[in-house]
Amino acid sequence: MEILDASCSTSLCGVLNMKSAKSRATSLVAGAKRTLSIGVPSQLAVIAIALMASEPASCSMIINPTYDTVGMMAHGLSSAEITSVETAFAAAAAQFTNNFNDPIHINILVTAAAGTGIFSQSNFNVVNSSYNTMYTALKNDAKTADDNTSLGPGGSVPSTDPKTGTHSWWTTSAEAKALGIIPDNMNNDGTFTFGAGFNYSFDPSNVGPGQYDFEGVAMHEISEIMGRI
């Protein structure tokens, strides 16, 4: 994981260890909503801090998908394939909600692009904060010895802004919620787009020759919307 300053490409590696998430966290994938129209945001060239907090086991992280059924059908997917997309996406989301228990909603639009020009991609909303705000949020959210080491003297995350001059620091909106930089909300956090022209297997235990594991593809893009970028 990295913290990067949006004014340059220099990385500050070794951010807080994500192993603090408890595997006994409550799993909850919200019931999917269907929508008749979509508004896919432009992809933003931004970078984020990576950290997901551990909370008491009574809390749960909810990945809340909205499926662009009309758009997927317009790009050639059958009703049965769309049902498989929903089932596989829910399984992918459960891999995260089973292991992270920040009490937040991560709201994701799931849609398709025609043909094979796009394999898969994520678009995500971002939050601009000062370095002090983000560092304080990380300190308040620290839960393990590794977290404290990263934030302590000589750690990989200094207590003062390592950059001078005018610049900005960014995190995805989903991660900003997890860190408490912004309150939880039901606003869209990102979009997962997959190429409708590829041959997907929706069963990760049965991926044949020439097929792509849709659940694995979805996990990759979900993790980017969460902040793995």
C-alpha atoms as a PDB file:
ATOM      1  CA  MET A   1       0.000   0.000   0.000  1.00  0.00           C
ATOM      2  CA  GLU A   2       1.124   3.538  -0.679  1.00  0.00           C
ATOM      3  CA  ILE A   3       0.408   7.094   0.257  1.00  0.00           C
ATOM      4  CA  LEU A   4       1.092   9.402  -2.649  1.00  0.00           C
ATOM      5  CA  ASP A   5       0.989  13.147  -2.990  1.00  0.00           C
ATOM      6  CA  ALA A   6      -1.041  14.301  -5.981  1.00  0.00           C
ATOM      7  CA  SER A   7       1.605  16.866  -6.879  1.00  0.00           C
ATOM      8  CA  CYS A   8       4.245  14.284  -7.782  1.00  0.00           C
ATOM      9  CA  SER A   9       4.838  10.573  -8.306  1.00  0.00           C
ATOM     10  CA  THR A  10       7.058   9.967  -5.282  1.00  0.00           C
ATOM     11  CA  SER A  11       5.588   7.250  -3.080  1.00  0.00           C
ATOM     12  CA  LEU A  12       5.635   6.930   0.662  1.00  0.00           C
ATOM     13  CA  CYS A  13       5.502   3.165   1.016  1.00  0.00           C
ATOM     14  CA  GLY A  14       4.579   0.827   3.802  1.00  0.00           C
ATOM     15  CA  VAL A  15       1.277   2.271   4.930  1.00  0.00           C
ATOM     16  CA  LEU A  16      -0.596   0.713   7.800  1.00  0.00           C
ATOM     17  CA  ASN A  17      -0.987  -3.028   7.749  1.00  0.00           C
ATOM     18  CA  MET A  18      -4.448  -4.101   6.637  1.00  0.00           C
ATOM     19  CA  LYS A  19      -4.228  -7.376   8.565  1.00  0.00           C
ATOM     20  CA  SER A  20      -6.019  -5.716  11.456  1.00  0.00           C
ATOM     21  CA  ALA A  21      -9.369  -6.585   9.851  1.00  0.00           C
ATOM     22  CA  LYS A  22     -11.078  -9.400  11.732  1.00  0.00           C
ATOM     23  CA  SER A  23     -12.194 -12.371   9.678  1.00  0.00           C
ATOM     24  CA  ARG A  24     -15.205 -12.765  11.955  1.00  0.00           C
ATOM     25  CA  ALA A  25     -16.712  -9.513  10.728  1.00  0.00           C
ATOM     26  CA  THR A  26     -20.356  -9.696   9.818  1.00  0.00           C
ATOM     27  CA  SER A  27     -20.894 -10.375   6.112  1.00  0.00           C
ATOM     28  CA  LEU A  28     -23.590  -8.333   4.461  1.00  0.00           C
ATOM     29  CA  VAL A  29     -24.030  -7.564   0.799  1.00  0.00           C
ATOM     30  CA  ALA A  30     -26.977  -5.277   0.296  1.00  0.00           C
ATOM     31  CA  GLY A  31     -29.850  -6.201  -1.935  1.00  0.00           C
ATOM     32  CA  ALA A  32     -29.120  -5.066  -5.419  1.00  0.00           C
ATOM     33  CA  LYS A  33     -30.963  -2.170  -6.951  1.00  0.00           C
ATOM     34  CA  ARG A  34     -31.717  -2.028 -10.625  1.00  0.00           C
ATOM     35  CA  THR A  35     -31.575   1.172 -12.615  1.00  0.00           C
ATOM     36  CA  LEU A  36     -32.846   2.102 -16.042  1.00  0.00           C
ATOM     37  CA  SER A  37     -30.159   4.623 -16.830  1.00  0.00           C
ATOM     38  CA  ILE A  38     -26.582   5.223 -15.893  1.00  0.00           C
ATOM     39  CA  GLY A  39     -24.200   8.100 -15.554  1.00  0.00           C
ATOM     40  CA  VAL A  40     -20.658   6.744 -15.602  1.00  0.00           C
ATOM     41  CA  PRO A  41     -18.264   9.347 -14.180  1.00  0.00           C
ATOM     42  CA  SER A  42     -15.060  10.197 -15.966  1.00  0.00           C
ATOM     43  CA  GLN A  43     -12.089   8.248 -14.675  1.00  0.00           C
ATOM     44  CA  LEU A  44     -10.007  10.392 -12.369  1.00  0.00           C
ATOM     45  CA  ALA A  45      -6.235  10.255 -12.298  1.00  0.00           C
ATOM     46  CA  VAL A  46      -5.976  10.277  -8.532  1.00  0.00           C
ATOM     47  CA  ILE A  47      -4.250   8.416  -5.756  1.00  0.00           C
ATOM     48  CA  ALA A  48      -5.279   7.384  -2.273  1.00  0.00           C
ATOM     49  CA  ILE A  49      -4.202   6.325   1.179  1.00  0.00           C
ATOM     50  CA  ALA A  50      -4.835   2.645   1.862  1.00  0.00           C
ATOM     51  CA  LEU A  51      -6.227   1.620   5.221  1.00  0.00           C
ATOM     52  CA  MET A  52      -9.367  -0.179   6.292  1.00  0.00           C
ATOM     53  CA  ALA A  53     -10.188  -0.180   9.969  1.00  0.00           C
ATOM     54  CA  SER A  54     -11.258  -2.927  12.339  1.00  0.00           C
ATOM     55  CA  GLU A  55     -14.325  -2.220  14.415  1.00  0.00           C
ATOM     56  CA  PRO A  56     -16.206  -4.392  16.911  1.00  0.00           C
ATOM     57  CA  ALA A  57     -17.674  -7.514  15.375  1.00  0.00           C
ATOM     58  CA  SER A  58     -21.183  -6.095  15.744  1.00  0.00           C
ATOM     59  CA  CYS A  59     -20.406  -3.631  12.937  1.00  0.00           C
ATOM     60  CA  SER A  60     -20.483  -4.499   9.280  1.00  0.00           C
ATOM     61  CA  MET A  61     -19.310  -3.114   5.974  1.00  0.00           C
ATOM     62  CA  ILE A  62     -21.993  -3.111   3.297  1.00  0.00           C
ATOM     63  CA  ILE A  63     -21.127  -3.191  -0.402  1.00  0.00           C
ATOM     64  CA  ASN A  64     -24.245  -1.871  -2.081  1.00  0.00           C
ATOM     65  CA  PRO A  65     -24.422  -2.548  -5.842  1.00  0.00           C
ATOM     66  CA  THR A  66     -26.692  -0.869  -8.357  1.00  0.00           C
ATOM     67  CA  TYR A  67     -26.937  -2.963 -11.537  1.00  0.00           C
ATOM     68  CA  ASP A  68     -27.339  -1.205 -14.874  1.00  0.00           C
ATOM     69  CA  THR A  69     -29.598  -3.902 -16.298  1.00  0.00           C
ATOM     70  CA  VAL A  70     -30.715  -1.920 -19.335  1.00  0.00           C
ATOM     71  CA  GLY A  71     -27.148  -0.988 -20.229  1.00  0.00           C
ATOM     72  CA  MET A  72     -25.925  -4.566 -19.893  1.00  0.00           C
ATOM     73  CA  MET A  73     -28.750  -5.854 -22.081  1.00  0.00           C
ATOM     74  CA  ALA A  74     -28.038  -3.147 -24.657  1.00  0.00           C
ATOM     75  CA  HIS A  75     -24.471  -4.445 -24.910  1.00  0.00           C
ATOM     76  CA  GLY A  76     -25.568  -8.013 -25.597  1.00  0.00           C
ATOM     77  CA  LEU A  77     -25.927  -9.729 -22.231  1.00  0.00           C
ATOM     78  CA  SER A  78     -28.905 -12.031 -21.779  1.00  0.00           C
ATOM     79  CA  SER A  79     -31.141 -11.976 -18.718  1.00  0.00           C
ATOM     80  CA  ALA A  80     -29.496 -15.196 -17.526  1.00  0.00           C
ATOM     81  CA  GLU A  81     -26.017 -13.690 -17.927  1.00  0.00           C
ATOM     82  CA  ILE A  82     -27.057 -10.582 -16.020  1.00  0.00           C
ATOM     83  CA  THR A  83     -28.330 -12.765 -13.197  1.00  0.00           C
ATOM     84  CA  SER A  84     -24.950 -14.524 -13.194  1.00  0.00           C
ATOM     85  CA  VAL A  85     -23.196 -11.139 -13.093  1.00  0.00           C
ATOM     86  CA  GLU A  86     -25.215 -10.189 -10.016  1.00  0.00           C
ATOM     87  CA  THR A  87     -24.532 -13.511  -8.283  1.00  0.00           C
ATOM     88  CA  ALA A  88     -20.791 -13.382  -9.013  1.00  0.00           C
ATOM     89  CA  PHE A  89     -20.509  -9.732  -7.965  1.00  0.00           C
ATOM     90  CA  ALA A  90     -22.251 -10.514  -4.657  1.00  0.00           C
ATOM     91  CA  ALA A  91     -19.782 -13.370  -4.078  1.00  0.00           C
ATOM     92  CA  ALA A  92     -16.866 -11.040  -4.846  1.00  0.00           C
ATOM     93  CA  ALA A  93     -18.231  -8.392  -2.479  1.00  0.00           C
ATOM     94  CA  ALA A  94     -18.598 -10.988   0.273  1.00  0.00           C
ATOM     95  CA  GLN A  95     -14.854 -11.651   0.119  1.00  0.00           C
ATOM     96  CA  PHE A  96     -14.404  -8.118   1.469  1.00  0.00           C
ATOM     97  CA  THR A  97     -17.386  -7.876   3.824  1.00  0.00           C
ATOM     98  CA  ASN A  98     -16.258 -11.145   5.432  1.00  0.00           C
ATOM     99  CA  ASN A  99     -12.878  -9.604   6.266  1.00  0.00           C
ATOM    100  CA  PHE A 100     -13.448  -5.867   6.758  1.00  0.00           C
ATOM    101  CA  ASN A 101     -15.978  -4.552   9.228  1.00  0.00           C
ATOM    102  CA  ASP A 102     -15.888  -0.783   8.988  1.00  0.00           C
ATOM    103  CA  PRO A 103     -19.520   0.317   9.548  1.00  0.00           C
ATOM    104  CA  ILE A 104     -19.870   2.001   6.160  1.00  0.00           C
ATOM    105  CA  HIS A 105     -21.696   1.626   2.861  1.00  0.00           C
ATOM    106  CA  ILE A 106     -19.637   1.296  -0.324  1.00  0.00           C
ATOM    107  CA  ASN A 107     -21.987   2.095  -3.195  1.00  0.00           C
ATOM    108  CA  ILE A 108     -20.982   0.760  -6.584  1.00  0.00           C
ATOM    109  CA  LEU A 109     -22.601   0.997 -10.007  1.00  0.00           C
ATOM    110  CA  VAL A 110     -22.086  -2.213 -12.012  1.00  0.00           C
ATOM    111  CA  THR A 111     -22.280  -1.792 -15.773  1.00  0.00           C
ATOM    112  CA  ALA A 112     -20.870  -3.119 -19.038  1.00  0.00           C
ATOM    113  CA  ALA A 113     -19.127  -1.710 -22.087  1.00  0.00           C
ATOM    114  CA  ALA A 114     -19.776  -3.053 -25.566  1.00  0.00           C
ATOM    115  CA  GLY A 115     -17.369  -5.512 -27.152  1.00  0.00           C
ATOM    116  CA  THR A 116     -13.817  -6.157 -26.002  1.00  0.00           C
ATOM    117  CA  GLY A 117     -12.340  -2.661 -26.076  1.00  0.00           C
ATOM    118  CA  ILE A 118     -12.450  -2.575 -22.271  1.00  0.00           C
ATOM    119  CA  PHE A 119     -11.685  -5.678 -20.229  1.00  0.00           C
ATOM    120  CA  SER A 120     -12.560  -4.103 -16.887  1.00  0.00           C
ATOM    121  CA  GLN A 121     -12.042  -0.785 -15.164  1.00  0.00           C
ATOM    122  CA  SER A 122     -12.966   1.126 -12.045  1.00  0.00           C
ATOM    123  CA  ASN A 123     -13.954   4.753 -11.693  1.00  0.00           C
ATOM    124  CA  PHE A 124     -14.090   6.208  -8.214  1.00  0.00           C
ATOM    125  CA  ASN A 125     -14.974   9.391  -6.394  1.00  0.00           C
ATOM    126  CA  VAL A 126     -12.312  11.086  -4.314  1.00  0.00           C
ATOM    127  CA  VAL A 127     -12.012  13.331  -1.274  1.00  0.00           C
ATOM    128  CA  ASN A 128      -9.434  16.101  -0.943  1.00  0.00           C
ATOM    129  CA  SER A 129      -8.034  16.607   2.556  1.00  0.00           C
ATOM    130  CA  SER A 130      -5.082  18.295   4.173  1.00  0.00           C
ATOM    131  CA  TYR A 131      -2.181  16.089   5.229  1.00  0.00           C
ATOM    132  CA  ASN A 132      -2.873  16.855   8.875  1.00  0.00           C
ATOM    133  CA  THR A 133      -6.497  15.751   8.514  1.00  0.00           C
ATOM    134  CA  MET A 134      -5.476  12.457   6.950  1.00  0.00           C
ATOM    135  CA  TYR A 135      -2.672  11.808   9.408  1.00  0.00           C
ATOM    136  CA  THR A 136      -4.998  12.494  12.339  1.00  0.00           C
ATOM    137  CA  ALA A 137      -7.599  10.144  10.843  1.00  0.00           C
ATOM    138  CA  LEU A 138      -4.976   7.417  10.482  1.00  0.00           C
ATOM    139  CA  LYS A 139      -3.817   7.922  14.071  1.00  0.00           C
ATOM    140  CA  ASN A 140      -7.377   7.754  15.374  1.00  0.00           C
ATOM    141  CA  ASP A 141      -8.012   4.609  13.342  1.00  0.00           C
ATOM    142  CA  ALA A 142      -4.800   2.793  14.323  1.00  0.00           C
ATOM    143  CA  LYS A 143      -5.551  -0.565  15.929  1.00  0.00           C
ATOM    144  CA  THR A 144      -2.452  -2.749  15.679  1.00  0.00           C
ATOM    145  CA  ALA A 145       1.221  -2.582  16.567  1.00  0.00           C
ATOM    146  CA  ASP A 146       1.994  -2.337  12.852  1.00  0.00           C
ATOM    147  CA  ASP A 147      -0.326   0.668  12.562  1.00  0.00           C
ATOM    148  CA  ASN A 148       1.425   2.408  15.427  1.00  0.00           C
ATOM    149  CA  THR A 149       4.862   1.583  14.016  1.00  0.00           C
ATOM    150  CA  SER A 150       3.943   3.080  10.652  1.00  0.00           C
ATOM    151  CA  LEU A 151       2.701   6.270  12.290  1.00  0.00           C
ATOM    152  CA  GLY A 152       5.352   6.535  14.991  1.00  0.00           C
ATOM    153  CA  PRO A 153       8.849   8.032  14.985  1.00  0.00           C
ATOM    154  CA  GLY A 154      10.801   6.690  12.022  1.00  0.00           C
ATOM    155  CA  GLY A 155       7.676   5.129  10.553  1.00  0.00           C
ATOM    156  CA  SER A 156       6.674   5.294   6.913  1.00  0.00           C
ATOM    157  CA  VAL A 157       3.965   7.908   7.553  1.00  0.00           C
ATOM    158  CA  PRO A 158       5.540  11.086   9.017  1.00  0.00           C
ATOM    159  CA  SER A 159       3.599  13.314  11.377  1.00  0.00           C
ATOM    160  CA  THR A 160       4.134  16.376   9.191  1.00  0.00           C
ATOM    161  CA  ASP A 161       3.503  16.852   5.496  1.00  0.00           C
ATOM    162  CA  PRO A 162       6.595  15.611   3.601  1.00  0.00           C
ATOM    163  CA  LYS A 163       5.796  17.889   0.665  1.00  0.00           C
ATOM    164  CA  THR A 164       6.214  21.631   0.424  1.00  0.00           C
ATOM    165  CA  GLY A 165       4.438  24.112  -1.778  1.00  0.00           C
ATOM    166  CA  THR A 166       0.899  23.983  -3.060  1.00  0.00           C
ATOM    167  CA  HIS A 167      -0.406  20.446  -3.443  1.00  0.00           C
ATOM    168  CA  SER A 168      -3.318  18.192  -2.580  1.00  0.00           C
ATOM    169  CA  TRP A 169      -3.802  14.849  -0.845  1.00  0.00           C
ATOM    170  CA  TRP A 170      -6.573  12.521  -1.939  1.00  0.00           C
ATOM    171  CA  THR A 171      -8.327   9.342  -0.897  1.00  0.00           C
ATOM    172  CA  THR A 172     -11.236   7.478  -2.433  1.00  0.00           C
ATOM    173  CA  SER A 173     -14.592   8.345  -0.907  1.00  0.00           C
ATOM    174  CA  ALA A 174     -15.017   4.771   0.321  1.00  0.00           C
ATOM    175  CA  GLU A 175     -11.742   4.936   2.208  1.00  0.00           C
ATOM    176  CA  ALA A 176     -12.507   8.409   3.499  1.00  0.00           C
ATOM    177  CA  LYS A 177     -15.613   6.924   5.092  1.00  0.00           C
ATOM    178  CA  ALA A 178     -13.620   4.079   6.638  1.00  0.00           C
ATOM    179  CA  LEU A 179     -11.133   6.537   8.124  1.00  0.00           C
ATOM    180  CA  GLY A 180     -13.823   8.903   9.374  1.00  0.00           C
ATOM    181  CA  ILE A 181     -12.710  11.774   7.146  1.00  0.00           C
ATOM    182  CA  ILE A 182     -16.286  12.004   5.852  1.00  0.00           C
ATOM    183  CA  PRO A 183     -19.463  10.488   7.330  1.00  0.00           C
ATOM    184  CA  ASP A 184     -21.019   7.366   5.894  1.00  0.00           C
ATOM    185  CA  ASN A 185     -23.507   8.087   3.109  1.00  0.00           C
ATOM    186  CA  MET A 186     -25.369   6.461   0.241  1.00  0.00           C
ATOM    187  CA  ASN A 187     -23.714   8.487  -2.537  1.00  0.00           C
ATOM    188  CA  ASN A 188     -22.036   6.616  -5.357  1.00  0.00           C
ATOM    189  CA  ASP A 189     -18.436   5.699  -4.524  1.00  0.00           C
ATOM    190  CA  GLY A 190     -17.442   4.245  -7.877  1.00  0.00           C
ATOM    191  CA  THR A 191     -18.302   2.313 -11.008  1.00  0.00           C
ATOM    192  CA  PHE A 192     -17.221  -1.173 -12.059  1.00  0.00           C
ATOM    193  CA  THR A 193     -17.322  -1.568 -15.843  1.00  0.00           C
ATOM    194  CA  PHE A 194     -16.595  -4.859 -17.610  1.00  0.00           C
ATOM    195  CA  GLY A 195     -16.339  -5.707 -21.285  1.00  0.00           C
ATOM    196  CA  ALA A 196     -19.497  -7.468 -22.425  1.00  0.00           C
ATOM    197  CA  GLY A 197     -17.748  -9.230 -25.307  1.00  0.00           C
ATOM    198  CA  PHE A 198     -15.490 -11.477 -23.203  1.00  0.00           C
ATOM    199  CA  ASN A 199     -16.174 -15.096 -22.334  1.00  0.00           C
ATOM    200  CA  TYR A 200     -16.623 -15.123 -18.571  1.00  0.00           C
ATOM    201  CA  SER A 201     -17.025 -17.968 -16.160  1.00  0.00           C
ATOM    202  CA  PHE A 202     -19.228 -17.003 -13.245  1.00  0.00           C
ATOM    203  CA  ASP A 203     -18.030 -19.966 -11.190  1.00  0.00           C
ATOM    204  CA  PRO A 204     -14.446 -19.453  -9.970  1.00  0.00           C
ATOM    205  CA  SER A 205     -14.033 -23.176  -9.390  1.00  0.00           C
ATOM    206  CA  ASN A 206     -14.914 -23.970 -12.988  1.00  0.00           C
ATOM    207  CA  VAL A 207     -13.049 -21.633 -15.355  1.00  0.00           C
ATOM    208  CA  GLY A 208     -12.552 -23.288 -18.725  1.00  0.00           C
ATOM    209  CA  PRO A 209     -10.029 -22.654 -21.498  1.00  0.00           C
ATOM    210  CA  GLY A 210     -10.398 -19.181 -22.964  1.00  0.00           C
ATOM    211  CA  GLN A 211     -12.627 -18.034 -20.108  1.00  0.00           C
ATOM    212  CA  TYR A 212     -12.116 -15.274 -17.558  1.00  0.00           C
ATOM    213  CA  ASP A 213     -13.043 -15.531 -13.890  1.00  0.00           C
ATOM    214  CA  PHE A 214     -15.697 -12.842 -13.450  1.00  0.00           C
ATOM    215  CA  GLU A 215     -15.612 -13.012  -9.661  1.00  0.00           C
ATOM    216  CA  GLY A 216     -11.860 -12.365  -9.678  1.00  0.00           C
ATOM    217  CA  VAL A 217     -12.286  -9.457 -12.104  1.00  0.00           C
ATOM    218  CA  ALA A 218     -14.967  -7.943  -9.869  1.00  0.00           C
ATOM    219  CA  MET A 219     -12.793  -8.306  -6.758  1.00  0.00           C
ATOM    220  CA  HIS A 220      -9.955  -6.460  -8.481  1.00  0.00           C
ATOM    221  CA  GLU A 221     -12.156  -3.491  -9.349  1.00  0.00           C
ATOM    222  CA  ILE A 222     -14.005  -3.428  -6.004  1.00  0.00           C
ATOM    223  CA  SER A 223     -10.666  -3.232  -4.190  1.00  0.00           C
ATOM    224  CA  GLU A 224      -9.661  -0.228  -6.298  1.00  0.00           C
ATOM    225  CA  ILE A 225     -12.887   1.586  -5.450  1.00  0.00           C
ATOM    226  CA  MET A 226     -12.137   0.792  -1.799  1.00  0.00           C
ATOM    227  CA  GLY A 227      -8.718   2.442  -2.150  1.00  0.00           C
ATOM    228  CA  ARG A 228      -6.241  -0.125  -3.502  1.00  0.00           C
ATOM    229  CA  ILE A 229      -4.824   2.155  -6.162  1.00  0.00           C
END
